[in-house]
Amino acid sequence: MSVIRAPYQKKIQRNVIVDDRKTSQERGLLLFVLLGIFILPIIYIFTPWLGFADYSLPSWANALGVCLLAISLWVFWLSHHDLGTNWSPTLLVRQNHSLITEGIYRKIR
């Protein structure tokens, strides 16, 4: 995800923010995402605290998980690509912001 996001993060830094609509609820939710994506896996790897959650999956479930991950990363990249300079990790309105109705957003709408 970070590799996909990096080029778009650079592009949007040049855009002037017109309206910042981040709320405390959004900041709290982003904190939970950080907890689930980074902090809990690090705790799982380096401590035995989450050992009770260990279980084995059948090989077909692992293969299905890898396929779903690949599809979700492709959709993630496609959404960033289609948004271009309109992309933002939070709700920010930038100068020359426009509604995207092409690409994946045409299909989702």
PDB file of N, CA and C in Angstrom:
ATOM      1  N   MET A   1       0.824  -1.187   0.000  1.00  0.00           N
ATOM      2  CA  MET A   1       0.000   0.000   0.000  1.00  0.00           C
ATOM      3  C   MET A   1       0.866   1.248   0.000  1.00  0.00           C
ATOM      4  N   SER A   2       1.913   1.240   0.784  1.00  0.00           N
ATOM      5  CA  SER A   2       2.786   2.410   0.866  1.00  0.00           C
ATOM      6  C   SER A   2       3.491   2.671  -0.458  1.00  0.00           C
ATOM      7  N   VAL A   3       3.888   1.606  -1.144  1.00  0.00           N
ATOM      8  CA  VAL A   3       4.549   1.753  -2.440  1.00  0.00           C
ATOM      9  C   VAL A   3       3.574   2.327  -3.468  1.00  0.00           C
ATOM     10  N   ILE A   4       2.328   1.904  -3.418  1.00  0.00           N
ATOM     11  CA  ILE A   4       1.316   2.424  -4.342  1.00  0.00           C
ATOM     12  C   ILE A   4       1.034   3.888  -4.027  1.00  0.00           C
ATOM     13  N   ARG A   5       0.955   4.232  -2.765  1.00  0.00           N
ATOM     14  CA  ARG A   5       0.577   5.592  -2.354  1.00  0.00           C
ATOM     15  C   ARG A   5       1.672   6.635  -2.515  1.00  0.00           C
ATOM     16  N   ALA A   6       2.925   6.237  -2.431  1.00  0.00           N
ATOM     17  CA  ALA A   6       4.039   7.188  -2.393  1.00  0.00           C
ATOM     18  C   ALA A   6       4.034   8.207  -3.543  1.00  0.00           C
ATOM     19  N   PRO A   7       3.905   7.793  -4.804  1.00  0.00           N
ATOM     20  CA  PRO A   7       3.938   8.790  -5.877  1.00  0.00           C
ATOM     21  C   PRO A   7       2.771   9.778  -5.814  1.00  0.00           C
ATOM     22  N   TYR A   8       1.612   9.315  -5.379  1.00  0.00           N
ATOM     23  CA  TYR A   8       0.441  10.197  -5.297  1.00  0.00           C
ATOM     24  C   TYR A   8       0.578  11.162  -4.127  1.00  0.00           C
ATOM     25  N   GLN A   9       1.221  10.699  -3.062  1.00  0.00           N
ATOM     26  CA  GLN A   9       1.484  11.557  -1.910  1.00  0.00           C
ATOM     27  C   GLN A   9       2.371  12.727  -2.332  1.00  0.00           C
ATOM     28  N   LYS A  10       3.368  12.448  -3.173  1.00  0.00           N
ATOM     29  CA  LYS A  10       4.256  13.512  -3.671  1.00  0.00           C
ATOM     30  C   LYS A  10       3.500  14.498  -4.551  1.00  0.00           C
ATOM     31  N   LYS A  11       2.636  13.979  -5.417  1.00  0.00           N
ATOM     32  CA  LYS A  11       1.895  14.844  -6.348  1.00  0.00           C
ATOM     33  C   LYS A  11       0.982  15.822  -5.622  1.00  0.00           C
ATOM     34  N   ILE A  12       0.315  15.361  -4.573  1.00  0.00           N
ATOM     35  CA  ILE A  12      -0.675  16.229  -3.922  1.00  0.00           C
ATOM     36  C   ILE A  12      -0.051  17.284  -3.033  1.00  0.00           C
ATOM     37  N   GLN A  13       1.222  17.152  -2.704  1.00  0.00           N
ATOM     38  CA  GLN A  13       1.864  18.148  -1.851  1.00  0.00           C
ATOM     39  C   GLN A  13       1.909  19.516  -2.525  1.00  0.00           C
ATOM     40  N   ARG A  14       1.914  19.539  -3.843  1.00  0.00           N
ATOM     41  CA  ARG A  14       1.965  20.806  -4.573  1.00  0.00           C
ATOM     42  C   ARG A  14       0.606  21.497  -4.636  1.00  0.00           C
ATOM     43  N   ASN A  15      -0.463  20.757  -4.413  1.00  0.00           N
ATOM     44  CA  ASN A  15      -1.813  21.330  -4.492  1.00  0.00           C
ATOM     45  C   ASN A  15      -2.150  22.110  -3.228  1.00  0.00           C
ATOM     46  N   VAL A  16      -2.742  23.270  -3.412  1.00  0.00           N
ATOM     47  CA  VAL A  16      -3.132  24.131  -2.295  1.00  0.00           C
ATOM     48  C   VAL A  16      -4.428  23.602  -1.681  1.00  0.00           C
ATOM     49  N   ILE A  17      -4.454  23.472  -0.340  1.00  0.00           N
ATOM     50  CA  ILE A  17      -5.654  23.015   0.359  1.00  0.00           C
ATOM     51  C   ILE A  17      -6.599  24.201   0.501  1.00  0.00           C
ATOM     52  N   VAL A  18      -7.827  24.033   0.005  1.00  0.00           N
ATOM     53  CA  VAL A  18      -8.839  25.081   0.071  1.00  0.00           C
ATOM     54  C   VAL A  18      -9.705  24.900   1.313  1.00  0.00           C
ATOM     55  N   ASP A  19     -10.044  23.642   1.625  1.00  0.00           N
ATOM     56  CA  ASP A  19     -10.936  23.357   2.750  1.00  0.00           C
ATOM     57  C   ASP A  19     -10.508  22.058   3.419  1.00  0.00           C
ATOM     58  N   ASP A  20     -10.183  22.120   4.700  1.00  0.00           N
ATOM     59  CA  ASP A  20      -9.798  20.947   5.473  1.00  0.00           C
ATOM     60  C   ASP A  20     -11.014  20.485   6.266  1.00  0.00           C
ATOM     61  N   ARG A  21     -11.552  19.329   5.918  1.00  0.00           N
ATOM     62  CA  ARG A  21     -12.772  18.828   6.553  1.00  0.00           C
ATOM     63  C   ARG A  21     -12.531  17.629   7.459  1.00  0.00           C
ATOM     64  N   LYS A  22     -11.294  17.468   7.925  1.00  0.00           N
ATOM     65  CA  LYS A  22     -10.996  16.365   8.845  1.00  0.00           C
ATOM     66  C   LYS A  22     -11.711  16.605  10.170  1.00  0.00           C
ATOM     67  N   THR A  23     -12.246  15.550  10.736  1.00  0.00           N
ATOM     68  CA  THR A  23     -12.917  15.634  12.031  1.00  0.00           C
ATOM     69  C   THR A  23     -12.140  14.811  13.049  1.00  0.00           C
ATOM     70  N   SER A  24     -12.460  14.991  14.301  1.00  0.00           N
ATOM     71  CA  SER A  24     -11.803  14.189  15.343  1.00  0.00           C
ATOM     72  C   SER A  24     -12.194  12.718  15.206  1.00  0.00           C
ATOM     73  N   GLN A  25     -13.392  12.446  14.716  1.00  0.00           N
ATOM     74  CA  GLN A  25     -13.809  11.064  14.493  1.00  0.00           C
ATOM     75  C   GLN A  25     -12.926  10.408  13.428  1.00  0.00           C
ATOM     76  N   GLU A  26     -12.638  11.150  12.367  1.00  0.00           N
ATOM     77  CA  GLU A  26     -11.787  10.614  11.313  1.00  0.00           C
ATOM     78  C   GLU A  26     -10.373  10.360  11.830  1.00  0.00           C
ATOM     79  N   ARG A  27      -9.841  11.264  12.612  1.00  0.00           N
ATOM     80  CA  ARG A  27      -8.505  11.077  13.196  1.00  0.00           C
ATOM     81  C   ARG A  27      -8.486   9.838  14.100  1.00  0.00           C
ATOM     82  N   GLY A  28      -9.549   9.643  14.869  1.00  0.00           N
ATOM     83  CA  GLY A  28      -9.642   8.461  15.725  1.00  0.00           C
ATOM     84  C   GLY A  28      -9.693   7.173  14.925  1.00  0.00           C
ATOM     85  N   LEU A  29     -10.438   7.169  13.843  1.00  0.00           N
ATOM     86  CA  LEU A  29     -10.523   5.983  12.988  1.00  0.00           C
ATOM     87  C   LEU A  29      -9.186   5.689  12.324  1.00  0.00           C
ATOM     88  N   LEU A  30      -8.477   6.728  11.909  1.00  0.00           N
ATOM     89  CA  LEU A  30      -7.148   6.528  11.331  1.00  0.00           C
ATOM     90  C   LEU A  30      -6.177   5.959  12.361  1.00  0.00           C
ATOM     91  N   LEU A  31      -6.350   6.327  13.608  1.00  0.00           N
ATOM     92  CA  LEU A  31      -5.530   5.768  14.676  1.00  0.00           C
ATOM     93  C   LEU A  31      -5.796   4.269  14.835  1.00  0.00           C
ATOM     94  N   PHE A  32      -7.052   3.857  14.732  1.00  0.00           N
ATOM     95  CA  PHE A  32      -7.390   2.431  14.795  1.00  0.00           C
ATOM     96  C   PHE A  32      -6.800   1.678  13.606  1.00  0.00           C
ATOM     97  N   VAL A  33      -6.800   2.293  12.429  1.00  0.00           N
ATOM     98  CA  VAL A  33      -6.193   1.666  11.250  1.00  0.00           C
ATOM     99  C   VAL A  33      -4.700   1.470  11.490  1.00  0.00           C
ATOM    100  N   LEU A  34      -4.039   2.497  12.026  1.00  0.00           N
ATOM    101  CA  LEU A  34      -2.611   2.390  12.346  1.00  0.00           C
ATOM    102  C   LEU A  34      -2.375   1.249  13.328  1.00  0.00           C
ATOM    103  N   LEU A  35      -3.221   1.133  14.320  1.00  0.00           N
ATOM    104  CA  LEU A  35      -3.108   0.065  15.304  1.00  0.00           C
ATOM    105  C   LEU A  35      -3.209  -1.308  14.627  1.00  0.00           C
ATOM    106  N   GLY A  36      -4.189  -1.476  13.753  1.00  0.00           N
ATOM    107  CA  GLY A  36      -4.419  -2.774  13.123  1.00  0.00           C
ATOM    108  C   GLY A  36      -3.412  -3.134  12.051  1.00  0.00           C
ATOM    109  N   ILE A  37      -2.890  -2.147  11.351  1.00  0.00           N
ATOM    110  CA  ILE A  37      -1.977  -2.437  10.243  1.00  0.00           C
ATOM    111  C   ILE A  37      -0.525  -2.552  10.701  1.00  0.00           C
ATOM    112  N   PHE A  38      -0.119  -1.749  11.669  1.00  0.00           N
ATOM    113  CA  PHE A  38       1.288  -1.724  12.048  1.00  0.00           C
ATOM    114  C   PHE A  38       1.564  -2.237  13.462  1.00  0.00           C
ATOM    115  N   ILE A  39       0.866  -1.743  14.430  1.00  0.00           N
ATOM    116  CA  ILE A  39       1.228  -2.009  15.824  1.00  0.00           C
ATOM    117  C   ILE A  39       0.911  -3.453  16.228  1.00  0.00           C
ATOM    118  N   LEU A  40      -0.291  -3.940  15.950  1.00  0.00           N
ATOM    119  CA  LEU A  40      -0.634  -5.320  16.323  1.00  0.00           C
ATOM    120  C   LEU A  40       0.245  -6.357  15.628  1.00  0.00           C
ATOM    121  N   PRO A  41       0.533  -6.227  14.333  1.00  0.00           N
ATOM    122  CA  PRO A  41       1.459  -7.198  13.726  1.00  0.00           C
ATOM    123  C   PRO A  41       2.849  -7.189  14.359  1.00  0.00           C
ATOM    124  N   ILE A  42       3.353  -6.014  14.727  1.00  0.00           N
ATOM    125  CA  ILE A  42       4.661  -5.946  15.379  1.00  0.00           C
ATOM    126  C   ILE A  42       4.608  -6.638  16.744  1.00  0.00           C
ATOM    127  N   ILE A  43       3.531  -6.424  17.490  1.00  0.00           N
ATOM    128  CA  ILE A  43       3.363  -7.097  18.785  1.00  0.00           C
ATOM    129  C   ILE A  43       3.278  -8.604  18.583  1.00  0.00           C
ATOM    130  N   TYR A  44       2.555  -9.047  17.547  1.00  0.00           N
ATOM    131  CA  TYR A  44       2.404 -10.473  17.261  1.00  0.00           C
ATOM    132  C   TYR A  44       3.746 -11.116  16.919  1.00  0.00           C
ATOM    133  N   ILE A  45       4.570 -10.403  16.133  1.00  0.00           N
ATOM    134  CA  ILE A  45       5.848 -10.962  15.695  1.00  0.00           C
ATOM    135  C   ILE A  45       6.852 -11.056  16.847  1.00  0.00           C
ATOM    136  N   PHE A  46       6.922 -10.023  17.659  1.00  0.00           N
ATOM    137  CA  PHE A  46       8.002  -9.938  18.640  1.00  0.00           C
ATOM    138  C   PHE A  46       7.626 -10.330  20.067  1.00  0.00           C
ATOM    139  N   THR A  47       6.358 -10.636  20.327  1.00  0.00           N
ATOM    140  CA  THR A  47       5.975 -11.046  21.676  1.00  0.00           C
ATOM    141  C   THR A  47       5.032 -12.253  21.597  1.00  0.00           C
ATOM    142  N   PRO A  48       4.875 -12.989  22.678  1.00  0.00           N
ATOM    143  CA  PRO A  48       3.923 -14.117  22.681  1.00  0.00           C
ATOM    144  C   PRO A  48       2.505 -13.701  23.091  1.00  0.00           C
ATOM    145  N   TRP A  49       2.250 -12.413  23.275  1.00  0.00           N
ATOM    146  CA  TRP A  49       0.967 -11.941  23.798  1.00  0.00           C
ATOM    147  C   TRP A  49      -0.236 -12.343  22.947  1.00  0.00           C
ATOM    148  N   LEU A  50      -0.062 -12.422  21.645  1.00  0.00           N
ATOM    149  CA  LEU A  50      -1.196 -12.765  20.775  1.00  0.00           C
ATOM    150  C   LEU A  50      -1.131 -14.209  20.287  1.00  0.00           C
ATOM    151  N   GLY A  51      -0.353 -15.034  20.968  1.00  0.00           N
ATOM    152  CA  GLY A  51      -0.205 -16.437  20.585  1.00  0.00           C
ATOM    153  C   GLY A  51      -1.513 -17.217  20.642  1.00  0.00           C
ATOM    154  N   PHE A  52      -2.451 -16.794  21.471  1.00  0.00           N
ATOM    155  CA  PHE A  52      -3.741 -17.485  21.565  1.00  0.00           C
ATOM    156  C   PHE A  52      -4.516 -17.419  20.246  1.00  0.00           C
ATOM    157  N   ALA A  53      -4.136 -16.508  19.368  1.00  0.00           N
ATOM    158  CA  ALA A  53      -4.863 -16.331  18.102  1.00  0.00           C
ATOM    159  C   ALA A  53      -4.259 -17.166  16.965  1.00  0.00           C
ATOM    160  N   ASP A  54      -3.259 -17.990  17.253  1.00  0.00           N
ATOM    161  CA  ASP A  54      -2.650 -18.839  16.219  1.00  0.00           C
ATOM    162  C   ASP A  54      -3.607 -19.960  15.813  1.00  0.00           C
ATOM    163  N   TYR A  55      -3.735 -20.163  14.532  1.00  0.00           N
ATOM    164  CA  TYR A  55      -4.504 -21.284  14.002  1.00  0.00           C
ATOM    165  C   TYR A  55      -4.036 -21.551  12.585  1.00  0.00           C
ATOM    166  N   SER A  56      -4.306 -22.737  12.087  1.00  0.00           N
ATOM    167  CA  SER A  56      -3.900 -23.121  10.738  1.00  0.00           C
ATOM    168  C   SER A  56      -5.088 -23.053   9.799  1.00  0.00           C
ATOM    169  N   LEU A  57      -4.812 -22.678   8.591  1.00  0.00           N
ATOM    170  CA  LEU A  57      -5.837 -22.642   7.553  1.00  0.00           C
ATOM    171  C   LEU A  57      -5.526 -23.704   6.511  1.00  0.00           C
ATOM    172  N   PRO A  58      -6.556 -24.215   5.854  1.00  0.00           N
ATOM    173  CA  PRO A  58      -6.287 -25.138   4.744  1.00  0.00           C
ATOM    174  C   PRO A  58      -5.602 -24.376   3.598  1.00  0.00           C
ATOM    175  N   SER A  59      -4.860 -25.085   2.776  1.00  0.00           N
ATOM    176  CA  SER A  59      -4.082 -24.432   1.717  1.00  0.00           C
ATOM    177  C   SER A  59      -4.966 -23.670   0.731  1.00  0.00           C
ATOM    178  N   TRP A  60      -6.194 -24.151   0.488  1.00  0.00           N
ATOM    179  CA  TRP A  60      -7.068 -23.428  -0.445  1.00  0.00           C
ATOM    180  C   TRP A  60      -7.441 -22.057   0.110  1.00  0.00           C
ATOM    181  N   ALA A  61      -7.575 -21.952   1.438  1.00  0.00           N
ATOM    182  CA  ALA A  61      -7.916 -20.670   2.049  1.00  0.00           C
ATOM    183  C   ALA A  61      -6.749 -19.688   1.924  1.00  0.00           C
ATOM    184  N   ASN A  62      -5.529 -20.200   2.057  1.00  0.00           N
ATOM    185  CA  ASN A  62      -4.358 -19.353   1.869  1.00  0.00           C
ATOM    186  C   ASN A  62      -4.282 -18.846   0.431  1.00  0.00           C
ATOM    187  N   ALA A  63      -4.517 -19.728  -0.529  1.00  0.00           N
ATOM    188  CA  ALA A  63      -4.483 -19.337  -1.940  1.00  0.00           C
ATOM    189  C   ALA A  63      -5.583 -18.317  -2.239  1.00  0.00           C
ATOM    190  N   LEU A  64      -6.759 -18.537  -1.692  1.00  0.00           N
ATOM    191  CA  LEU A  64      -7.853 -17.586  -1.883  1.00  0.00           C
ATOM    192  C   LEU A  64      -7.498 -16.226  -1.282  1.00  0.00           C
ATOM    193  N   GLY A  65      -6.859 -16.231  -0.120  1.00  0.00           N
ATOM    194  CA  GLY A  65      -6.442 -14.986   0.517  1.00  0.00           C
ATOM    195  C   GLY A  65      -5.436 -14.220  -0.318  1.00  0.00           C
ATOM    196  N   VAL A  66      -4.494 -14.929  -0.920  1.00  0.00           N
ATOM    197  CA  VAL A  66      -3.497 -14.287  -1.781  1.00  0.00           C
ATOM    198  C   VAL A  66      -4.179 -13.687  -3.014  1.00  0.00           C
ATOM    199  N   CYS A  67      -5.120 -14.407  -3.590  1.00  0.00           N
ATOM    200  CA  CYS A  67      -5.853 -13.880  -4.761  1.00  0.00           C
ATOM    201  C   CYS A  67      -6.655 -12.633  -4.391  1.00  0.00           C
ATOM    202  N   LEU A  68      -7.346 -12.679  -3.276  1.00  0.00           N
ATOM    203  CA  LEU A  68      -8.126 -11.518  -2.840  1.00  0.00           C
ATOM    204  C   LEU A  68      -7.224 -10.323  -2.521  1.00  0.00           C
ATOM    205  N   LEU A  69      -6.062 -10.582  -1.944  1.00  0.00           N
ATOM    206  CA  LEU A  69      -5.110  -9.510  -1.671  1.00  0.00           C
ATOM    207  C   LEU A  69      -4.634  -8.871  -2.978  1.00  0.00           C
ATOM    208  N   ALA A  70      -4.311  -9.684  -3.975  1.00  0.00           N
ATOM    209  CA  ALA A  70      -3.858  -9.160  -5.266  1.00  0.00           C
ATOM    210  C   ALA A  70      -4.948  -8.310  -5.922  1.00  0.00           C
ATOM    211  N   ILE A  71      -6.184  -8.777  -5.885  1.00  0.00           N
ATOM    212  CA  ILE A  71      -7.295  -8.018  -6.470  1.00  0.00           C
ATOM    213  C   ILE A  71      -7.508  -6.712  -5.718  1.00  0.00           C
ATOM    214  N   SER A  72      -7.434  -6.763  -4.391  1.00  0.00           N
ATOM    215  CA  SER A  72      -7.657  -5.541  -3.608  1.00  0.00           C
ATOM    216  C   SER A  72      -6.536  -4.528  -3.828  1.00  0.00           C
ATOM    217  N   LEU A  73      -5.292  -4.983  -3.984  1.00  0.00           N
ATOM    218  CA  LEU A  73      -4.198  -4.053  -4.280  1.00  0.00           C
ATOM    219  C   LEU A  73      -4.355  -3.425  -5.663  1.00  0.00           C
ATOM    220  N   TRP A  74      -4.860  -4.206  -6.617  1.00  0.00           N
ATOM    221  CA  TRP A  74      -5.109  -3.667  -7.958  1.00  0.00           C
ATOM    222  C   TRP A  74      -6.200  -2.596  -7.899  1.00  0.00           C
ATOM    223  N   VAL A  75      -7.284  -2.843  -7.185  1.00  0.00           N
ATOM    224  CA  VAL A  75      -8.360  -1.855  -7.044  1.00  0.00           C
ATOM    225  C   VAL A  75      -7.847  -0.625  -6.288  1.00  0.00           C
ATOM    226  N   PHE A  76      -7.013  -0.827  -5.283  1.00  0.00           N
ATOM    227  CA  PHE A  76      -6.411   0.273  -4.529  1.00  0.00           C
ATOM    228  C   PHE A  76      -5.574   1.147  -5.464  1.00  0.00           C
ATOM    229  N   TRP A  77      -4.724   0.522  -6.287  1.00  0.00           N
ATOM    230  CA  TRP A  77      -3.898   1.274  -7.238  1.00  0.00           C
ATOM    231  C   TRP A  77      -4.784   1.988  -8.249  1.00  0.00           C
ATOM    232  N   LEU A  78      -5.782   1.298  -8.775  1.00  0.00           N
ATOM    233  CA  LEU A  78      -6.668   1.873  -9.781  1.00  0.00           C
ATOM    234  C   LEU A  78      -7.409   3.088  -9.239  1.00  0.00           C
ATOM    235  N   SER A  79      -7.856   3.030  -7.997  1.00  0.00           N
ATOM    236  CA  SER A  79      -8.561   4.170  -7.407  1.00  0.00           C
ATOM    237  C   SER A  79      -7.628   5.366  -7.256  1.00  0.00           C
ATOM    238  N   HIS A  80      -6.391   5.133  -6.843  1.00  0.00           N
ATOM    239  CA  HIS A  80      -5.423   6.222  -6.736  1.00  0.00           C
ATOM    240  C   HIS A  80      -5.095   6.791  -8.112  1.00  0.00           C
ATOM    241  N   HIS A  81      -4.911   5.911  -9.078  1.00  0.00           N
ATOM    242  CA  HIS A  81      -4.583   6.335 -10.443  1.00  0.00           C
ATOM    243  C   HIS A  81      -5.709   7.185 -11.037  1.00  0.00           C
ATOM    244  N   ASP A  82      -6.932   6.738 -10.871  1.00  0.00           N
ATOM    245  CA  ASP A  82      -8.070   7.467 -11.443  1.00  0.00           C
ATOM    246  C   ASP A  82      -8.298   8.808 -10.755  1.00  0.00           C
ATOM    247  N   LEU A  83      -8.022   8.892  -9.460  1.00  0.00           N
ATOM    248  CA  LEU A  83      -8.185  10.164  -8.747  1.00  0.00           C
ATOM    249  C   LEU A  83      -7.074  11.154  -9.094  1.00  0.00           C
ATOM    250  N   GLY A  84      -5.876  10.659  -9.344  1.00  0.00           N
ATOM    251  CA  GLY A  84      -4.759  11.540  -9.692  1.00  0.00           C
ATOM    252  C   GLY A  84      -4.487  12.565  -8.608  1.00  0.00           C
ATOM    253  N   THR A  85      -4.496  13.852  -8.972  1.00  0.00           N
ATOM    254  CA  THR A  85      -4.196  14.909  -7.998  1.00  0.00           C
ATOM    255  C   THR A  85      -5.384  15.196  -7.082  1.00  0.00           C
ATOM    256  N   ASN A  86      -6.519  14.583  -7.314  1.00  0.00           N
ATOM    257  CA  ASN A  86      -7.660  14.732  -6.411  1.00  0.00           C
ATOM    258  C   ASN A  86      -7.572  13.796  -5.212  1.00  0.00           C
ATOM    259  N   TRP A  87      -6.630  12.865  -5.248  1.00  0.00           N
ATOM    260  CA  TRP A  87      -6.508  11.900  -4.151  1.00  0.00           C
ATOM    261  C   TRP A  87      -6.057  12.587  -2.867  1.00  0.00           C
ATOM    262  N   SER A  88      -6.592  12.132  -1.762  1.00  0.00           N
ATOM    263  CA  SER A  88      -6.199  12.633  -0.454  1.00  0.00           C
ATOM    264  C   SER A  88      -6.477  11.544   0.574  1.00  0.00           C
ATOM    265  N   PRO A  89      -5.579  11.353   1.540  1.00  0.00           N
ATOM    266  CA  PRO A  89      -5.819  10.310   2.539  1.00  0.00           C
ATOM    267  C   PRO A  89      -6.953  10.669   3.495  1.00  0.00           C
ATOM    268  N   THR A  90      -7.255  11.959   3.611  1.00  0.00           N
ATOM    269  CA  THR A  90      -8.357  12.420   4.449  1.00  0.00           C
ATOM    270  C   THR A  90      -9.228  13.349   3.615  1.00  0.00           C
ATOM    271  N   LEU A  91     -10.274  13.866   4.209  1.00  0.00           N
ATOM    272  CA  LEU A  91     -11.203  14.715   3.468  1.00  0.00           C
ATOM    273  C   LEU A  91     -10.661  16.138   3.373  1.00  0.00           C
ATOM    274  N   LEU A  92      -9.944  16.385   2.281  1.00  0.00           N
ATOM    275  CA  LEU A  92      -9.392  17.702   1.996  1.00  0.00           C
ATOM    276  C   LEU A  92      -9.857  18.131   0.614  1.00  0.00           C
ATOM    277  N   VAL A  93     -10.324  19.365   0.506  1.00  0.00           N
ATOM    278  CA  VAL A  93     -10.678  19.918  -0.798  1.00  0.00           C
ATOM    279  C   VAL A  93      -9.491  20.763  -1.230  1.00  0.00           C
ATOM    280  N   ARG A  94      -8.981  20.469  -2.412  1.00  0.00           N
ATOM    281  CA  ARG A  94      -7.806  21.164  -2.912  1.00  0.00           C
ATOM    282  C   ARG A  94      -8.182  22.058  -4.092  1.00  0.00           C
ATOM    283  N   GLN A  95      -7.275  22.975  -4.397  1.00  0.00           N
ATOM    284  CA  GLN A  95      -7.491  23.875  -5.520  1.00  0.00           C
ATOM    285  C   GLN A  95      -7.637  23.040  -6.801  1.00  0.00           C
ATOM    286  N   ASN A  96      -8.571  23.441  -7.657  1.00  0.00           N
ATOM    287  CA  ASN A  96      -8.879  22.737  -8.914  1.00  0.00           C
ATOM    288  C   ASN A  96      -9.384  21.316  -8.686  1.00  0.00           C
ATOM    289  N   HIS A  97     -10.013  21.072  -7.538  1.00  0.00           N
ATOM    290  CA  HIS A  97     -10.599  19.774  -7.234  1.00  0.00           C
ATOM    291  C   HIS A  97     -11.771  19.534  -8.180  1.00  0.00           C
ATOM    292  N   SER A  98     -11.951  18.301  -8.601  1.00  0.00           N
ATOM    293  CA  SER A  98     -13.064  17.993  -9.505  1.00  0.00           C
ATOM    294  C   SER A  98     -13.643  16.624  -9.158  1.00  0.00           C
ATOM    295  N   LEU A  99     -14.882  16.434  -9.541  1.00  0.00           N
ATOM    296  CA  LEU A  99     -15.540  15.151  -9.321  1.00  0.00           C
ATOM    297  C   LEU A  99     -15.074  14.173 -10.391  1.00  0.00           C
ATOM    298  N   ILE A 100     -14.613  13.017  -9.986  1.00  0.00           N
ATOM    299  CA  ILE A 100     -14.121  12.002 -10.917  1.00  0.00           C
ATOM    300  C   ILE A 100     -15.270  11.052 -11.237  1.00  0.00           C
ATOM    301  N   THR A 101     -15.593  10.963 -12.510  1.00  0.00           N
ATOM    302  CA  THR A 101     -16.685  10.084 -12.947  1.00  0.00           C
ATOM    303  C   THR A 101     -16.209   9.073 -13.987  1.00  0.00           C
ATOM    304  N   GLU A 102     -14.914   8.946 -14.166  1.00  0.00           N
ATOM    305  CA  GLU A 102     -14.355   8.012 -15.146  1.00  0.00           C
ATOM    306  C   GLU A 102     -13.616   6.888 -14.426  1.00  0.00           C
ATOM    307  N   GLY A 103     -13.188   5.904 -15.184  1.00  0.00           N
ATOM    308  CA  GLY A 103     -12.424   4.790 -14.630  1.00  0.00           C
ATOM    309  C   GLY A 103     -13.251   3.959 -13.668  1.00  0.00           C
ATOM    310  N   ILE A 104     -12.623   3.561 -12.576  1.00  0.00           N
ATOM    311  CA  ILE A 104     -13.306   2.705 -11.599  1.00  0.00           C
ATOM    312  C   ILE A 104     -14.472   3.425 -10.935  1.00  0.00           C
ATOM    313  N   TYR A 105     -14.382   4.756 -10.846  1.00  0.00           N
ATOM    314  CA  TYR A 105     -15.460   5.519 -10.215  1.00  0.00           C
ATOM    315  C   TYR A 105     -16.718   5.559 -11.078  1.00  0.00           C
ATOM    316  N   ARG A 106     -16.580   5.387 -12.358  1.00  0.00           N
ATOM    317  CA  ARG A 106     -17.748   5.275 -13.233  1.00  0.00           C
ATOM    318  C   ARG A 106     -18.488   3.966 -12.921  1.00  0.00           C
ATOM    319  N   LYS A 107     -17.737   2.921 -12.682  1.00  0.00           N
ATOM    320  CA  LYS A 107     -18.331   1.611 -12.415  1.00  0.00           C
ATOM    321  C   LYS A 107     -18.917   1.538 -10.999  1.00  0.00           C
ATOM    322  N   ILE A 108     -18.247   2.170 -10.037  1.00  0.00           N
ATOM    323  CA  ILE A 108     -18.713   2.122  -8.648  1.00  0.00           C
ATOM    324  C   ILE A 108     -19.991   2.917  -8.471  1.00  0.00           C
ATOM    325  N   ARG A 109     -20.043   4.081  -9.097  1.00  0.00           N
ATOM    326  CA  ARG A 109     -21.221   4.938  -8.954  1.00  0.00           C
ATOM    327  C   ARG A 109     -22.428   4.208  -9.473  1.00  0.00           C
TER     328      ARG A 109
END
